[in-house]
PDB file of N, CA and C in Angstrom:
ATOM      1  N   MET A   1     -25.783  10.277 -10.553  1.00  0.00           N
ATOM      2  CA  MET A   1     -24.443  10.030 -10.871  1.00  0.00           C
ATOM      3  C   MET A   1     -23.562  10.072  -9.609  1.00  0.00           C
ATOM      4  N   THR A   2     -22.647   9.094  -9.499  1.00  0.00           N
ATOM      5  CA  THR A   2     -21.769   9.068  -8.318  1.00  0.00           C
ATOM      6  C   THR A   2     -20.598  10.000  -8.429  1.00  0.00           C
ATOM      7  N   SER A   3     -20.152  10.303  -7.292  1.00  0.00           N
ATOM      8  CA  SER A   3     -18.996  11.288  -7.250  1.00  0.00           C
ATOM      9  C   SER A   3     -17.634  10.507  -7.321  1.00  0.00           C
ATOM     10  N   THR A   4     -16.927  10.785  -8.349  1.00  0.00           N
ATOM     11  CA  THR A   4     -15.632  10.092  -8.431  1.00  0.00           C
ATOM     12  C   THR A   4     -14.707  10.705  -7.512  1.00  0.00           C
ATOM     13  N   LYS A   5     -14.792  12.034  -7.186  1.00  0.00           N
ATOM     14  CA  LYS A   5     -13.872  12.656  -6.274  1.00  0.00           C
ATOM     15  C   LYS A   5     -14.099  12.043  -4.802  1.00  0.00           C
ATOM     16  N   GLY A   6     -15.306  11.831  -4.487  1.00  0.00           N
ATOM     17  CA  GLY A   6     -15.660  11.053  -3.207  1.00  0.00           C
ATOM     18  C   GLY A   6     -15.125   9.743  -3.097  1.00  0.00           C
ATOM     19  N   ASP A   7     -15.152   8.989  -4.249  1.00  0.00           N
ATOM     20  CA  ASP A   7     -14.554   7.644  -4.280  1.00  0.00           C
ATOM     21  C   ASP A   7     -13.176   7.706  -4.114  1.00  0.00           C
ATOM     22  N   ALA A   8     -12.514   8.715  -4.751  1.00  0.00           N
ATOM     23  CA  ALA A   8     -11.064   8.797  -4.667  1.00  0.00           C
ATOM     24  C   ALA A   8     -10.631   9.080  -3.232  1.00  0.00           C
ATOM     25  N   ASN A   9     -11.343   9.953  -2.606  1.00  0.00           N
ATOM     26  CA  ASN A   9     -11.104  10.257  -1.121  1.00  0.00           C
ATOM     27  C   ASN A   9     -11.258   9.063  -0.337  1.00  0.00           C
ATOM     28  N   ASP A  10     -12.276   8.256  -0.474  1.00  0.00           N
ATOM     29  CA  ASP A  10     -12.503   7.009   0.294  1.00  0.00           C
ATOM     30  C   ASP A  10     -11.401   6.020   0.026  1.00  0.00           C
ATOM     31  N   LEU A  11     -10.908   5.933  -1.204  1.00  0.00           N
ATOM     32  CA  LEU A  11      -9.791   5.042  -1.525  1.00  0.00           C
ATOM     33  C   LEU A  11      -8.544   5.459  -0.766  1.00  0.00           C
ATOM     34  N   THR A  12      -8.232   6.723  -0.862  1.00  0.00           N
ATOM     35  CA  THR A  12      -7.068   7.330  -0.171  1.00  0.00           C
ATOM     36  C   THR A  12      -7.104   7.062   1.297  1.00  0.00           C
ATOM     37  N   LYS A  13      -8.295   7.208   1.926  1.00  0.00           N
ATOM     38  CA  LYS A  13      -8.350   6.902   3.391  1.00  0.00           C
ATOM     39  C   LYS A  13      -8.191   5.442   3.670  1.00  0.00           C
ATOM     40  N   ALA A  14      -8.664   4.640   2.833  1.00  0.00           N
ATOM     41  CA  ALA A  14      -8.507   3.156   2.971  1.00  0.00           C
ATOM     42  C   ALA A  14      -6.989   2.762   2.798  1.00  0.00           C
ATOM     43  N   LEU A  15      -6.391   3.439   1.898  1.00  0.00           N
ATOM     44  CA  LEU A  15      -4.918   3.069   1.691  1.00  0.00           C
ATOM     45  C   LEU A  15      -4.192   3.524   2.776  1.00  0.00           C
ATOM     46  N   LYS A  16      -4.470   4.567   3.384  1.00  0.00           N
ATOM     47  CA  LYS A  16      -3.719   5.111   4.589  1.00  0.00           C
ATOM     48  C   LYS A  16      -3.955   4.264   5.757  1.00  0.00           C
ATOM     49  N   LEU A  17      -5.193   3.640   5.948  1.00  0.00           N
ATOM     50  CA  LEU A  17      -5.403   2.775   7.081  1.00  0.00           C
ATOM     51  C   LEU A  17      -4.709   1.526   6.902  1.00  0.00           C
ATOM     52  N   VAL A  18      -4.664   1.003   5.630  1.00  0.00           N
ATOM     53  CA  VAL A  18      -3.816  -0.240   5.394  1.00  0.00           C
ATOM     54  C   VAL A  18      -2.378   0.060   5.659  1.00  0.00           C
ATOM     55  N   ALA A  19      -1.664   1.113   5.284  1.00  0.00           N
ATOM     56  CA  ALA A  19      -0.399   1.468   5.482  1.00  0.00           C
ATOM     57  C   ALA A  19      -0.142   1.534   7.006  1.00  0.00           C
ATOM     58  N   LEU A  20      -1.010   2.181   7.796  1.00  0.00           N
ATOM     59  CA  LEU A  20      -0.778   2.309   9.213  1.00  0.00           C
ATOM     60  C   LEU A  20      -0.824   0.774   9.847  1.00  0.00           C
ATOM     61  N   ALA A  21      -1.673   0.097   9.430  1.00  0.00           N
ATOM     62  CA  ALA A  21      -1.851  -1.377  10.078  1.00  0.00           C
ATOM     63  C   ALA A  21      -0.562  -2.235   9.668  1.00  0.00           C
ATOM     64  N   ALA A  22      -0.058  -1.928   8.473  1.00  0.00           N
ATOM     65  CA  ALA A  22       1.151  -2.734   8.035  1.00  0.00           C
ATOM     66  C   ALA A  22       2.399  -2.272   8.765  1.00  0.00           C
ATOM     67  N   MET A  23       2.345  -1.091   9.203  1.00  0.00           N
ATOM     68  CA  MET A  23       3.560  -0.428   9.868  1.00  0.00           C
ATOM     69  C   MET A  23       3.557  -0.670  11.429  1.00  0.00           C
ATOM     70  N   GLU A  24       2.474  -1.106  11.991  1.00  0.00           N
ATOM     71  CA  GLU A  24       2.345  -1.393  13.397  1.00  0.00           C
ATOM     72  C   GLU A  24       3.411  -2.202  13.899  1.00  0.00           C
ATOM     73  N   GLY A  25       3.959  -1.657  14.997  1.00  0.00           N
ATOM     74  CA  GLY A  25       4.988  -2.375  15.765  1.00  0.00           C
ATOM     75  C   GLY A  25       6.549  -2.280  15.030  1.00  0.00           C
ATOM     76  N   LEU A  26       6.674  -1.596  13.969  1.00  0.00           N
ATOM     77  CA  LEU A  26       7.888  -1.392  13.393  1.00  0.00           C
ATOM     78  C   LEU A  26       8.497  -0.107  14.005  1.00  0.00           C
ATOM     79  N   PRO A  27       9.813  -0.017  13.997  1.00  0.00           N
ATOM     80  CA  PRO A  27      10.434   1.178  14.506  1.00  0.00           C
ATOM     81  C   PRO A  27      10.122   2.423  13.740  1.00  0.00           C
ATOM     82  N   PHE A  28      10.157   3.591  14.198  1.00  0.00           N
ATOM     83  CA  PHE A  28       9.766   4.788  13.595  1.00  0.00           C
ATOM     84  C   PHE A  28      10.535   4.940  12.251  1.00  0.00           C
ATOM     85  N   LYS A  29      11.779   4.880  12.289  1.00  0.00           N
ATOM     86  CA  LYS A  29      12.575   5.084  10.978  1.00  0.00           C
ATOM     87  C   LYS A  29      12.172   4.130   9.874  1.00  0.00           C
ATOM     88  N   ARG A  30      11.889   2.833  10.336  1.00  0.00           N
ATOM     89  CA  ARG A  30      11.421   1.838   9.310  1.00  0.00           C
ATOM     90  C   ARG A  30      10.103   2.213   8.747  1.00  0.00           C
ATOM     91  N   GLN A  31       9.256   2.680   9.621  1.00  0.00           N
ATOM     92  CA  GLN A  31       7.962   3.089   9.069  1.00  0.00           C
ATOM     93  C   GLN A  31       8.057   4.219   8.165  1.00  0.00           C
ATOM     94  N   VAL A  32       8.800   5.203   8.431  1.00  0.00           N
ATOM     95  CA  VAL A  32       9.024   6.401   7.544  1.00  0.00           C
ATOM     96  C   VAL A  32       9.656   5.913   6.161  1.00  0.00           C
ATOM     97  N   TRP A  33      10.654   5.042   6.209  1.00  0.00           N
ATOM     98  CA  TRP A  33      11.349   4.601   5.028  1.00  0.00           C
ATOM     99  C   TRP A  33      10.313   3.813   4.154  1.00  0.00           C
ATOM    100  N   LEU A  34       9.614   2.946   4.722  1.00  0.00           N
ATOM    101  CA  LEU A  34       8.696   2.144   3.941  1.00  0.00           C
ATOM    102  C   LEU A  34       7.618   2.888   3.315  1.00  0.00           C
ATOM    103  N   MET A  35       7.054   3.864   4.141  1.00  0.00           N
ATOM    104  CA  MET A  35       6.001   4.682   3.604  1.00  0.00           C
ATOM    105  C   MET A  35       6.431   5.660   2.474  1.00  0.00           C
ATOM    106  N   SER A  36       7.709   6.123   2.586  1.00  0.00           N
ATOM    107  CA  SER A  36       8.270   6.819   1.593  1.00  0.00           C
ATOM    108  C   SER A  36       8.510   6.094   0.347  1.00  0.00           C
ATOM    109  N   LYS A  37       8.872   4.804   0.443  1.00  0.00           N
ATOM    110  CA  LYS A  37       9.101   3.907  -0.735  1.00  0.00           C
ATOM    111  C   LYS A  37       7.723   3.591  -1.358  1.00  0.00           C
ATOM    112  N   ALA A  38       6.661   3.613  -0.559  1.00  0.00           N
ATOM    113  CA  ALA A  38       5.341   3.336  -1.164  1.00  0.00           C
ATOM    114  C   ALA A  38       4.750   4.572  -1.677  1.00  0.00           C
ATOM    115  N   GLY A  39       5.456   5.654  -1.659  1.00  0.00           N
ATOM    116  CA  GLY A  39       4.953   6.845  -2.559  1.00  0.00           C
ATOM    117  C   GLY A  39       4.300   7.904  -1.599  1.00  0.00           C
ATOM    118  N   PHE A  40       4.271   7.813  -0.263  1.00  0.00           N
ATOM    119  CA  PHE A  40       3.668   8.816   0.555  1.00  0.00           C
ATOM    120  C   PHE A  40       4.740   9.982   0.608  1.00  0.00           C
ATOM    121  N   GLN A  41       4.197  11.153   0.712  1.00  0.00           N
ATOM    122  CA  GLN A  41       4.904  12.383   0.799  1.00  0.00           C
ATOM    123  C   GLN A  41       5.271  12.608   2.230  1.00  0.00           C
ATOM    124  N   PRO A  42       6.390  13.323   2.544  1.00  0.00           N
ATOM    125  CA  PRO A  42       6.593  13.480   3.987  1.00  0.00           C
ATOM    126  C   PRO A  42       5.523  14.137   4.873  1.00  0.00           C
ATOM    127  N   THR A  43       4.792  15.125   4.281  1.00  0.00           N
ATOM    128  CA  THR A  43       3.648  15.695   5.046  1.00  0.00           C
ATOM    129  C   THR A  43       2.571  14.603   5.323  1.00  0.00           C
ATOM    130  N   GLU A  44       2.399  13.614   4.424  1.00  0.00           N
ATOM    131  CA  GLU A  44       1.489  12.544   4.535  1.00  0.00           C
ATOM    132  C   GLU A  44       1.912  11.522   5.676  1.00  0.00           C
ATOM    133  N   ILE A  45       3.245  11.238   5.542  1.00  0.00           N
ATOM    134  CA  ILE A  45       3.765  10.344   6.529  1.00  0.00           C
ATOM    135  C   ILE A  45       3.665  10.924   7.954  1.00  0.00           C
ATOM    136  N   ALA A  46       4.050  12.280   8.020  1.00  0.00           N
ATOM    137  CA  ALA A  46       3.988  12.912   9.244  1.00  0.00           C
ATOM    138  C   ALA A  46       2.589  12.895   9.845  1.00  0.00           C
ATOM    139  N   GLU A  47       1.544  13.113   9.082  1.00  0.00           N
ATOM    140  CA  GLU A  47       0.208  13.229   9.547  1.00  0.00           C
ATOM    141  C   GLU A  47      -0.152  11.758  10.049  1.00  0.00           C
ATOM    142  N   LEU A  48       0.292  10.734   9.253  1.00  0.00           N
ATOM    143  CA  LEU A  48      -0.175   9.330   9.705  1.00  0.00           C
ATOM    144  C   LEU A  48       0.566   8.872  10.960  1.00  0.00           C
ATOM    145  N   LEU A  49       1.773   9.361  11.146  1.00  0.00           N
ATOM    146  CA  LEU A  49       2.620   8.921  12.358  1.00  0.00           C
ATOM    147  C   LEU A  49       2.577   9.848  13.497  1.00  0.00           C
ATOM    148  N   ASP A  50       1.650  11.033  13.313  1.00  0.00           N
ATOM    149  CA  ASP A  50       1.531  11.912  14.361  1.00  0.00           C
ATOM    150  C   ASP A  50       2.750  12.609  14.774  1.00  0.00           C
ATOM    151  N   THR A  51       3.484  13.077  13.735  1.00  0.00           N
ATOM    152  CA  THR A  51       4.803  13.800  13.978  1.00  0.00           C
ATOM    153  C   THR A  51       4.873  14.986  12.958  1.00  0.00           C
ATOM    154  N   THR A  52       5.949  15.599  12.858  1.00  0.00           N
ATOM    155  CA  THR A  52       6.034  16.755  11.925  1.00  0.00           C
ATOM    156  C   THR A  52       6.814  16.286  10.671  1.00  0.00           C
ATOM    157  N   ALA A  53       6.490  17.014   9.612  1.00  0.00           N
ATOM    158  CA  ALA A  53       7.236  16.828   8.287  1.00  0.00           C
ATOM    159  C   ALA A  53       8.634  16.920   8.367  1.00  0.00           C
ATOM    160  N   ASN A  54       9.090  17.911   9.250  1.00  0.00           N
ATOM    161  CA  ASN A  54      10.491  18.102   9.511  1.00  0.00           C
ATOM    162  C   ASN A  54      11.214  16.895  10.018  1.00  0.00           C
ATOM    163  N   SER A  55      10.561  16.311  10.970  1.00  0.00           N
ATOM    164  CA  SER A  55      11.055  15.011  11.586  1.00  0.00           C
ATOM    165  C   SER A  55      11.243  13.968  10.544  1.00  0.00           C
ATOM    166  N   VAL A  56      10.178  13.788   9.651  1.00  0.00           N
ATOM    167  CA  VAL A  56      10.153  12.763   8.649  1.00  0.00           C
ATOM    168  C   VAL A  56      11.312  13.103   7.696  1.00  0.00           C
ATOM    169  N   ASN A  57      11.483  14.346   7.201  1.00  0.00           N
ATOM    170  CA  ASN A  57      12.524  14.684   6.355  1.00  0.00           C
ATOM    171  C   ASN A  57      13.847  14.444   6.935  1.00  0.00           C
ATOM    172  N   VAL A  58      14.080  14.753   8.175  1.00  0.00           N
ATOM    173  CA  VAL A  58      15.347  14.493   8.855  1.00  0.00           C
ATOM    174  C   VAL A  58      15.762  13.067   8.722  1.00  0.00           C
ATOM    175  N   ARG A  59      14.781  12.101   9.075  1.00  0.00           N
ATOM    176  CA  ARG A  59      14.984  10.794   9.097  1.00  0.00           C
ATOM    177  C   ARG A  59      15.302  10.205   7.704  1.00  0.00           C
ATOM    178  N   LEU A  60      14.597  10.654   6.725  1.00  0.00           N
ATOM    179  CA  LEU A  60      14.772  10.307   5.287  1.00  0.00           C
ATOM    180  C   LEU A  60      16.143  10.769   4.836  1.00  0.00           C
ATOM    181  N   SER A  61      16.616  11.920   5.209  1.00  0.00           N
ATOM    182  CA  SER A  61      17.920  12.498   4.841  1.00  0.00           C
ATOM    183  C   SER A  61      19.049  11.587   5.492  1.00  0.00           C
ATOM    184  N   GLU A  62      18.888  11.284   6.791  1.00  0.00           N
ATOM    185  CA  GLU A  62      19.816  10.514   7.452  1.00  0.00           C
ATOM    186  C   GLU A  62      20.006   9.116   6.612  1.00  0.00           C
ATOM    187  N   MET A  63      18.816   8.479   6.272  1.00  0.00           N
ATOM    188  CA  MET A  63      18.887   7.202   5.635  1.00  0.00           C
ATOM    189  C   MET A  63      19.470   7.277   4.321  1.00  0.00           C
ATOM    190  N   ARG A  64      19.193   8.415   3.579  1.00  0.00           N
ATOM    191  CA  ARG A  64      19.767   8.584   2.247  1.00  0.00           C
ATOM    192  C   ARG A  64      21.258   8.740   2.257  1.00  0.00           C
ATOM    193  N   ARG A  65      21.641   9.506   3.336  1.00  0.00           N
ATOM    194  CA  ARG A  65      23.068   9.877   3.442  1.00  0.00           C
ATOM    195  C   ARG A  65      23.942   8.692   3.697  1.00  0.00           C
ATOM    196  N   ASP A  66      23.498   7.829   4.581  1.00  0.00           N
ATOM    197  CA  ASP A  66      24.301   6.676   4.958  1.00  0.00           C
ATOM    198  C   ASP A  66      23.427   5.521   5.378  1.00  0.00           C
ATOM    199  N   PRO A  67      22.824   4.746   4.383  1.00  0.00           N
ATOM    200  CA  PRO A  67      21.823   3.749   4.741  1.00  0.00           C
ATOM    201  C   PRO A  67      22.301   2.711   5.750  1.00  0.00           C
ATOM    202  N   LYS A  68      23.680   2.321   5.580  1.00  0.00           N
ATOM    203  CA  LYS A  68      24.153   1.158   6.551  1.00  0.00           C
ATOM    204  C   LYS A  68      24.216   1.770   7.966  1.00  0.00           C
ATOM    205  N   LYS A  69      24.615   3.034   8.147  1.00  0.00           N
ATOM    206  CA  LYS A  69      24.737   3.570   9.420  1.00  0.00           C
ATOM    207  C   LYS A  69      23.357   3.737  10.027  1.00  0.00           C
ATOM    208  N   ALA A  70      22.329   4.173   9.259  1.00  0.00           N
ATOM    209  CA  ALA A  70      20.956   4.258   9.672  1.00  0.00           C
ATOM    210  C   ALA A  70      20.461   2.957  10.073  1.00  0.00           C
ATOM    211  N   GLU A  71      20.859   1.838   9.450  1.00  0.00           N
ATOM    212  CA  GLU A  71      20.314   0.535   9.786  1.00  0.00           C
ATOM    213  C   GLU A  71      20.871   0.134  11.100  1.00  0.00           C
ATOM    214  N   LYS A  72      22.214   0.354  11.335  1.00  0.00           N
ATOM    215  CA  LYS A  72      22.783   0.012  12.571  1.00  0.00           C
ATOM    216  C   LYS A  72      22.234   0.778  13.797  1.00  0.00           C
ATOM    217  N   LYS A  73      21.970   2.037  13.585  1.00  0.00           N
ATOM    218  CA  LYS A  73      21.324   2.919  14.536  1.00  0.00           C
ATOM    219  C   LYS A  73      19.977   2.405  14.887  1.00  0.00           C
ATOM    220  N   GLU A  74      19.223   2.064  13.936  1.00  0.00           N
ATOM    221  CA  GLU A  74      17.959   1.489  14.121  1.00  0.00           C
ATOM    222  C   GLU A  74      17.866   0.213  14.925  1.00  0.00           C
ATOM    223  N   ALA A  75      18.839  -0.636  14.696  1.00  0.00           N
ATOM    224  CA  ALA A  75      19.020  -1.899  15.244  1.00  0.00           C
ATOM    225  C   ALA A  75      19.324  -1.790  16.758  1.00  0.00           C
ATOM    226  N   ARG A  76      20.043  -0.744  17.189  1.00  0.00           N
ATOM    227  CA  ARG A  76      20.344  -0.410  18.515  1.00  0.00           C
ATOM    228  C   ARG A  76      19.157   0.229  19.264  1.00  0.00           C
ATOM    229  N   GLY A  77      18.236   0.755  18.622  1.00  0.00           N
ATOM    230  CA  GLY A  77      17.078   1.226  19.181  1.00  0.00           C
ATOM    231  C   GLY A  77      17.010   2.687  19.193  1.00  0.00           C
TER     232      GLY A  77
END
């Protein structure tokens, strides 16, 4: 009998790799926002982007508070 838990872990790893590949070259804030919209939790995003969950939460908070301002800031670099 095959392990369903093992299959689920493999699928999770594959999805994370696809997410990373899709985000390559995008600004950090855009990566955070898109991963959040895709259903990743801040701790998962932080692990994938090699940062802290606090940093991810701060960026998400900024973007929720004032999305237009966050977009302008991102465009400036």
